[in-house]
Amino acid sequence: IENNSLPKEIDIVTALHACNIATDDAIDFALKHEAKYIVLVPCCQAEVAAILKKNRSQLDNHLLGEIWRHPVHAREFGSHITNVLRCLRLQAHGYDVTATELIGWEHSMKNELIIAKKISKQNTEAAKKLDGLIQELGLKQIKDRFMLI
């Protein structure tokens, strides 16, 4: 989203039930505008599950492949790992991150709340973990999106 009337720095960016990569778009916007706080409630994420499914044969002899062998597990693991990557990305950009429940599981299965507060310029250790996790899980197709601002 480009809007020249917006200031370079923004205090807070929020995204509520932002489906698939819309949460990542909100993160991109927040990083570009150096948001002091980011509050996200991600929703459906199918992208990583699809990549895991496509690459499943490459991990037939790897124990990690068992985590997403069955479609229901691939969907849930894909959703979970997407949010783990998002948290690491924010940490790599200098945010202190908390991931927790928004509401009880009895009300919604999509209730993860990610809260980030800018505390430093960057965190190279988190960046290394992010890159390593992407490599280990064979998610190279999405590396640029998670590594760039």
Protein backbone atom coordinates (compact mmCIF):
# COMPACT_ATOMS: atom_id res chain seq x y z
CA ILE A 1 0.00 0.00 0.00
CA GLU A 2 1.57 3.26 -1.09
CA ASN A 3 0.31 6.53 0.31
CA ASN A 4 2.57 9.57 0.23
CA SER A 5 0.52 11.28 2.92
CA LEU A 6 1.65 8.71 5.52
CA PRO A 7 4.60 9.59 7.74
CA LYS A 8 7.86 7.65 7.37
CA GLU A 9 7.43 6.29 10.91
CA ILE A 10 4.16 4.88 12.22
CA ASP A 11 3.36 4.10 15.84
CA ILE A 12 1.29 0.93 15.40
CA VAL A 13 0.25 -1.46 12.64
CA THR A 14 -2.54 -3.98 13.18
CA ALA A 15 -3.99 -6.78 11.08
CA LEU A 16 -7.04 -8.74 12.24
CA HIS A 17 -7.69 -12.12 10.59
CA ALA A 18 -5.50 -11.24 7.64
CA CYS A 19 -5.76 -14.33 5.44
CA ASN A 20 -2.86 -16.09 3.75
CA ILE A 21 -0.12 -13.55 2.88
CA ALA A 22 -2.13 -10.47 3.93
CA THR A 23 -0.44 -10.77 7.35
CA ASP A 24 2.92 -10.67 5.59
CA ASP A 25 1.80 -7.59 3.67
CA ALA A 26 0.99 -5.94 7.00
CA ILE A 27 4.44 -6.90 8.31
CA ASP A 28 6.06 -5.46 5.16
CA PHE A 29 4.13 -2.22 5.68
CA ALA A 30 5.11 -2.08 9.35
CA LEU A 31 8.79 -2.66 8.63
CA LYS A 32 8.84 -0.12 5.81
CA HIS A 33 7.28 2.51 8.08
CA GLU A 34 9.37 1.53 11.11
CA ALA A 35 6.33 0.80 13.27
CA LYS A 36 6.98 0.95 17.00
CA TYR A 37 4.35 -1.74 17.64
CA ILE A 38 2.80 -4.47 15.51
CA VAL A 39 -0.29 -6.42 16.54
CA LEU A 40 -1.32 -9.30 14.27
CA VAL A 41 -4.06 -11.91 14.28
CA PRO A 42 -3.17 -14.16 11.32
CA CYS A 43 -5.89 -16.26 9.73
CA CYS A 44 -5.79 -18.96 7.07
CA GLN A 45 -2.37 -19.81 5.65
CA ALA A 46 -2.20 -22.31 2.84
CA GLU A 47 1.02 -21.32 1.11
CA VAL A 48 3.53 -23.20 3.28
CA ALA A 49 1.33 -26.32 3.46
CA ALA A 50 1.22 -26.40 -0.34
CA ILE A 51 5.03 -26.13 -0.55
CA LEU A 52 5.45 -28.87 2.06
CA LYS A 53 3.07 -31.10 0.13
CA LYS A 54 4.88 -30.42 -3.15
CA ASN A 55 8.29 -31.15 -1.59
CA ARG A 56 7.17 -34.13 0.51
CA SER A 57 8.98 -36.71 -1.63
CA GLN A 58 12.30 -34.94 -0.98
CA LEU A 59 11.91 -35.75 2.72
CA ASP A 60 10.71 -39.36 2.44
CA ASN A 61 13.79 -40.55 4.33
CA HIS A 62 13.84 -37.62 6.77
CA LEU A 63 11.96 -37.81 10.06
CA LEU A 64 10.69 -34.24 9.68
CA GLY A 65 8.64 -35.39 6.68
CA GLU A 66 6.40 -37.32 9.08
CA ILE A 67 5.20 -34.03 10.58
CA TRP A 68 3.30 -33.20 7.38
CA ARG A 69 2.79 -36.61 5.74
CA HIS A 70 -0.99 -36.44 6.24
CA PRO A 71 -2.96 -33.52 4.73
CA VAL A 72 -4.52 -32.41 8.03
CA HIS A 73 -1.09 -32.29 9.65
CA ALA A 74 0.43 -30.47 6.66
CA ARG A 75 -2.28 -27.81 6.88
CA GLU A 76 -1.87 -27.27 10.61
CA PHE A 77 1.93 -27.52 10.58
CA GLY A 78 2.06 -25.17 7.60
CA SER A 79 -0.04 -22.65 9.48
CA HIS A 80 2.04 -23.02 12.62
CA ILE A 81 5.41 -22.76 10.89
CA THR A 82 4.23 -19.71 8.94
CA ASN A 83 3.63 -17.89 12.21
CA VAL A 84 6.95 -19.11 13.63
CA LEU A 85 8.70 -17.67 10.55
CA ARG A 86 6.79 -14.40 10.98
CA CYS A 87 7.90 -14.13 14.60
CA LEU A 88 11.52 -14.84 13.67
CA ARG A 89 11.33 -12.26 10.88
CA LEU A 90 10.11 -9.62 13.31
CA GLN A 91 12.81 -10.58 15.82
CA ALA A 92 15.43 -10.35 13.08
CA HIS A 93 14.27 -6.78 12.45
CA GLY A 94 14.73 -5.85 16.10
CA TYR A 95 11.31 -6.55 17.61
CA ASP A 96 10.58 -8.18 20.93
CA VAL A 97 7.83 -10.66 20.02
CA THR A 98 5.13 -12.39 22.04
CA ALA A 99 2.85 -15.02 20.50
CA THR A 100 -0.19 -15.99 22.52
CA GLU A 101 -3.92 -16.70 22.30
CA LEU A 102 -6.34 -13.95 21.40
CA ILE A 103 -9.35 -15.82 22.79
CA GLY A 104 -10.01 -19.35 24.00
CA TRP A 105 -9.79 -22.23 21.52
CA GLU A 106 -13.47 -23.00 22.11
CA HIS A 107 -14.36 -19.77 20.27
CA SER A 108 -12.03 -19.96 17.27
CA MET A 109 -9.31 -22.21 15.92
CA LYS A 110 -7.64 -19.15 14.36
CA ASN A 111 -6.86 -17.16 17.45
CA GLU A 112 -3.12 -16.60 17.54
CA LEU A 113 -2.09 -13.11 18.59
CA ILE A 114 1.37 -11.84 17.69
CA ILE A 115 2.53 -8.68 19.47
CA ALA A 116 5.81 -7.03 18.53
CA LYS A 117 7.58 -4.04 20.06
CA LYS A 118 10.58 -2.43 18.36
CA ILE A 119 13.59 -2.57 20.70
CA SER A 120 16.67 -2.54 18.44
CA LYS A 121 17.88 -2.15 14.86
CA GLN A 122 18.35 -5.85 14.11
CA ASN A 123 18.95 -9.26 15.62
CA THR A 124 21.42 -11.31 13.57
CA GLU A 125 20.88 -14.45 15.66
CA ALA A 126 17.15 -14.45 14.86
CA ALA A 127 17.98 -13.85 11.18
CA LYS A 128 20.25 -16.92 11.21
CA LYS A 129 17.51 -19.02 12.82
CA LEU A 130 14.98 -17.79 10.26
CA ASP A 131 17.27 -18.69 7.36
CA GLY A 132 18.15 -22.05 8.90
CA LEU A 133 14.53 -23.01 9.44
CA ILE A 134 13.60 -22.06 5.88
CA GLN A 135 16.51 -24.18 4.59
CA GLU A 136 15.79 -27.15 6.86
CA LEU A 137 12.13 -27.33 5.86
CA GLY A 138 12.79 -26.86 2.14
CA LEU A 139 10.88 -23.56 1.93
CA LYS A 140 13.33 -21.78 -0.37
CA GLN A 141 10.46 -20.55 -2.57
CA ILE A 142 9.36 -18.11 0.14
CA LYS A 143 12.77 -17.10 1.48
CA ASP A 144 12.83 -13.69 -0.23
CA ARG A 145 9.47 -12.73 1.26
CA PHE A 146 10.55 -13.60 4.79
CA MET A 147 14.07 -12.22 4.59
CA LEU A 148 13.37 -8.84 2.98
CA ILE A 149 11.84 -5.76 4.53
